[in-house]
Amino acid sequence: KMVKSLLDTTDKLSYALDLAEIPIGVYEYSQGMDRVRYTKRLPQILGLSKSETKQLMADKALFIKRLDEIHTRPFDADEGIYQLDEHNMRYVKIEHMANGPSALGILLDITGTVLEKKRIEQERDEDILTGLLTRRAFYAQMDGLFAAPEQLQHAAMLMIDTDNLKEINDNFG
């Protein structure tokens, strides 16, 4: 009865998260169990097929290995945000809590948020007409390069001043 109750709780949690349309998946495993308990959305977030899901969730060690692989692709590790794989621009936020022999984790698909943030940063940092960095972005990049000159190794900078550029832009775009 206890195992059935736990499984029912997982199903109820999956149902509630699906109703709320929140792209969140939850997993749990214990030291004494080989299987991983998970909500229905977790395989979707990880991009797993049915056969991959069955294999991964039946083997806790394999599941942990998959999470470890994801942790090798940090987007913002301080915030727990990782790129799901090298080929797709998909991002997840991972929260993992260990409690003695048990572990509980939450994966949140934040791909839309990350892509929107990247788009806003690009619009902020890049001139739409020329594709060149804005003054602010240029100074930020140069500050970064000057702060770590060992990474720069060799460099050259060319500056061009064009007379009457505003008049040319106003007349010809």
Protein backbone atom coordinates (compact mmCIF):
# COMPACT_ATOMS: atom_id res chain seq x y z
CA LYS A 1 0.00 0.00 0.00
CA MET A 2 2.84 2.37 0.83
CA VAL A 3 4.58 1.85 -2.56
CA LYS A 4 1.26 2.33 -4.39
CA SER A 5 0.63 5.49 -2.38
CA LEU A 6 4.05 6.85 -3.35
CA LEU A 7 3.47 6.06 -7.01
CA ASP A 8 0.02 7.66 -6.85
CA THR A 9 1.60 10.78 -5.35
CA THR A 10 4.06 10.96 -8.26
CA ASP A 11 1.16 10.63 -10.72
CA LYS A 12 -0.79 13.34 -8.91
CA LEU A 13 2.21 15.67 -8.93
CA SER A 14 2.71 15.04 -12.67
CA TYR A 15 -0.96 15.78 -13.30
CA ALA A 16 -0.86 19.04 -11.32
CA LEU A 17 2.30 20.24 -13.11
CA ASP A 18 0.81 19.36 -16.50
CA LEU A 19 -2.36 21.29 -15.70
CA ALA A 20 -0.32 24.33 -14.73
CA GLU A 21 1.66 24.00 -17.99
CA ILE A 22 4.89 24.54 -16.13
CA PRO A 23 7.83 22.90 -17.94
CA ILE A 24 9.13 21.20 -14.82
CA GLY A 25 10.14 17.63 -14.14
CA VAL A 26 10.89 16.02 -10.80
CA TYR A 27 12.94 12.91 -10.05
CA GLU A 28 13.75 10.97 -6.91
CA TYR A 29 15.93 8.00 -6.11
CA SER A 30 17.12 6.22 -3.00
CA GLN A 31 20.25 4.32 -2.11
CA GLY A 32 18.41 0.99 -1.78
CA MET A 33 16.58 1.26 -5.12
CA ASP A 34 17.82 0.82 -8.67
CA ARG A 35 14.92 2.68 -10.27
CA VAL A 36 14.36 6.42 -10.53
CA ARG A 37 10.90 7.77 -9.76
CA TYR A 38 9.95 10.70 -12.00
CA THR A 39 7.13 12.90 -13.15
CA LYS A 40 5.78 12.52 -16.67
CA ARG A 41 7.28 15.77 -17.97
CA LEU A 42 10.90 14.83 -17.09
CA PRO A 43 11.52 12.66 -20.21
CA GLN A 44 10.08 15.43 -22.40
CA ILE A 45 12.41 18.01 -20.85
CA LEU A 46 15.42 15.72 -21.31
CA GLY A 47 14.34 14.93 -24.88
CA LEU A 48 14.12 11.19 -24.24
CA SER A 49 12.34 8.64 -26.39
CA LYS A 50 10.16 6.01 -24.72
CA SER A 51 12.90 3.39 -24.94
CA GLU A 52 15.53 5.82 -23.57
CA THR A 53 13.19 6.74 -20.73
CA LYS A 54 12.59 3.10 -19.85
CA GLN A 55 16.33 2.34 -19.88
CA LEU A 56 17.41 5.47 -18.01
CA MET A 57 14.79 5.34 -15.29
CA ALA A 58 15.37 1.63 -14.64
CA ASP A 59 19.05 2.22 -13.88
CA LYS A 60 19.83 4.88 -11.27
CA ALA A 61 23.57 4.84 -12.11
CA LEU A 62 22.81 5.50 -15.78
CA PHE A 63 20.46 8.33 -14.84
CA ILE A 64 23.10 9.92 -12.58
CA LYS A 65 25.63 9.61 -15.42
CA ARG A 66 23.22 11.50 -17.73
CA LEU A 67 22.87 14.29 -15.16
CA ASP A 68 26.66 14.43 -14.81
CA GLU A 69 26.97 14.83 -18.60
CA ILE A 70 24.55 17.76 -18.52
CA HIS A 71 26.63 19.36 -15.75
CA THR A 72 29.64 19.42 -18.13
CA ARG A 73 27.85 22.06 -20.25
CA PRO A 74 27.30 25.01 -17.90
CA PHE A 75 25.58 28.10 -19.26
CA ASP A 76 25.44 29.79 -15.86
CA ALA A 77 26.62 27.25 -13.29
CA ASP A 78 26.17 29.73 -10.44
CA GLU A 79 22.44 29.76 -11.21
CA GLY A 80 22.31 26.00 -11.94
CA ILE A 81 21.62 26.54 -15.66
CA TYR A 82 23.04 24.10 -18.20
CA GLN A 83 22.82 23.51 -21.93
CA LEU A 84 21.05 20.20 -22.42
CA ASP A 85 23.28 18.99 -25.26
CA GLU A 86 25.79 20.33 -27.76
CA HIS A 87 23.48 20.10 -30.75
CA ASN A 88 20.33 21.86 -29.55
CA MET A 89 19.94 25.26 -28.00
CA ARG A 90 17.95 23.88 -25.05
CA TYR A 91 18.62 24.93 -21.48
CA VAL A 92 17.58 23.52 -18.12
CA LYS A 93 17.86 24.72 -14.57
CA ILE A 94 18.74 21.89 -12.21
CA GLU A 95 18.15 21.83 -8.48
CA HIS A 96 19.39 18.70 -6.73
CA MET A 97 18.90 18.00 -3.05
CA ALA A 98 20.47 15.03 -1.30
CA ASN A 99 18.96 13.92 1.98
CA GLY A 100 20.98 11.06 3.42
CA PRO A 101 20.52 8.05 1.16
CA SER A 102 17.83 9.74 -0.94
CA ALA A 103 17.99 12.42 -3.59
CA LEU A 104 15.34 14.67 -5.06
CA GLY A 105 15.81 16.86 -8.09
CA ILE A 106 13.92 19.35 -10.19
CA LEU A 107 14.61 20.15 -13.84
CA LEU A 108 13.04 23.27 -15.25
CA ASP A 109 13.09 23.86 -19.01
CA ILE A 110 14.11 27.51 -19.32
CA THR A 111 15.03 27.47 -23.00
CA GLY A 112 12.61 30.27 -23.85
CA THR A 113 13.92 32.49 -21.07
CA VAL A 114 17.58 31.94 -22.01
CA LEU A 115 16.99 32.51 -25.74
CA GLU A 116 15.04 35.70 -25.00
CA LYS A 117 17.85 36.91 -22.73
CA LYS A 118 20.42 36.19 -25.47
CA ARG A 119 18.29 38.06 -28.03
CA ILE A 120 17.98 41.09 -25.76
CA GLU A 121 21.73 41.07 -25.06
CA GLN A 122 22.49 40.86 -28.78
CA GLU A 123 20.17 43.79 -29.54
CA ARG A 124 21.81 45.74 -26.72
CA ASP A 125 25.39 44.89 -27.73
CA GLU A 126 25.26 44.85 -31.52
CA ASP A 127 24.35 47.58 -33.98
CA ILE A 128 21.56 46.21 -36.15
CA LEU A 129 22.68 48.07 -39.28
CA THR A 130 26.42 47.33 -39.25
CA GLY A 131 26.65 44.23 -37.04
CA LEU A 132 29.40 45.96 -35.08
CA LEU A 133 29.54 46.09 -31.30
CA THR A 134 27.98 49.08 -29.61
CA ARG A 135 30.29 51.37 -27.68
CA ARG A 136 29.21 49.83 -24.37
CA ALA A 137 29.77 46.26 -25.59
CA PHE A 138 33.10 47.20 -27.16
CA TYR A 139 34.37 48.69 -23.90
CA ALA A 140 33.12 45.68 -21.93
CA GLN A 141 34.96 43.28 -24.27
CA MET A 142 38.14 45.36 -24.19
CA ASP A 143 38.03 45.56 -20.39
CA GLY A 144 37.77 41.77 -20.29
CA LEU A 145 40.69 41.35 -22.67
CA PHE A 146 42.89 43.82 -20.80
CA ALA A 147 42.03 42.14 -17.49
CA ALA A 148 43.39 38.80 -18.79
CA PRO A 149 46.21 39.67 -21.21
CA GLU A 150 47.63 36.12 -21.04
CA GLN A 151 44.54 34.92 -22.93
CA LEU A 152 44.93 37.60 -25.57
CA GLN A 153 48.50 36.66 -26.61
CA HIS A 154 48.80 38.78 -29.82
CA ALA A 155 46.41 41.44 -31.00
CA ALA A 156 46.02 44.45 -33.21
CA MET A 157 43.38 47.13 -33.10
CA LEU A 158 42.46 49.33 -36.02
CA MET A 159 40.44 52.50 -35.52
CA ILE A 160 38.92 54.37 -38.41
CA ASP A 161 37.50 57.87 -38.22
CA THR A 162 35.28 58.80 -41.13
CA ASP A 163 34.62 62.47 -41.73
CA ASN A 164 30.98 63.47 -42.09
CA LEU A 165 29.75 59.96 -41.24
CA LYS A 166 26.53 61.34 -39.75
CA GLU A 167 25.72 63.13 -43.00
CA ILE A 168 26.42 59.96 -45.01
CA ASN A 169 24.24 57.90 -42.67
CA ASP A 170 21.44 60.45 -42.77
CA ASN A 171 21.44 60.57 -46.57
CA PHE A 172 22.29 56.98 -47.53
CA GLY A 173 21.55 54.85 -44.46
